[in-house]
Amino acid sequence: MLKQLNNYNTFLVDQFIKDFGGIIFLNAEENYLYIDGKKSETVQGSKVEVILRGSEGVNEFEKLSIKFESIPVSEFEKVKKMTPIKLQGATGTLWGNGAFKNNLSIKAEGFTVLSKDNQ
């Protein structure tokens, strides 16, 4: 049986977000570094919660968590709740138990705040 095939599975984050109408900012908090599965006191960027707009009832208002390893939480202080944002340099990994890979981890290098008219 082949092993580690998931290492070659590329998830198209930008296309996924575009297909479901974009994402809307909810909140941001500090992201802590985990060492050997334990949370450390070291802050490593920020973790942002967004909602997916969805399309025709599919994935509508699903919450997603996005990690920004090099952007401090202070960069999000001026972003108002329910504001559309666009990710820059986003990568995604599917994960889950067994054959069910229905969880998504997203990391991004940056973001842009969009106007409500330009989603």
Foldseek 3Di string as FASTA:
>chain_A
DDPPPLVVDFDDVQVVLVVFPAKFWAAKDWDADADPNHGDPHTFAMKTKIFRCGDPPPSHRPIDIEGARHHHRVVCPPPDGRWTKDFAQKTKGFDDPDPDRPDIYMYGNDMGTDHPVGD
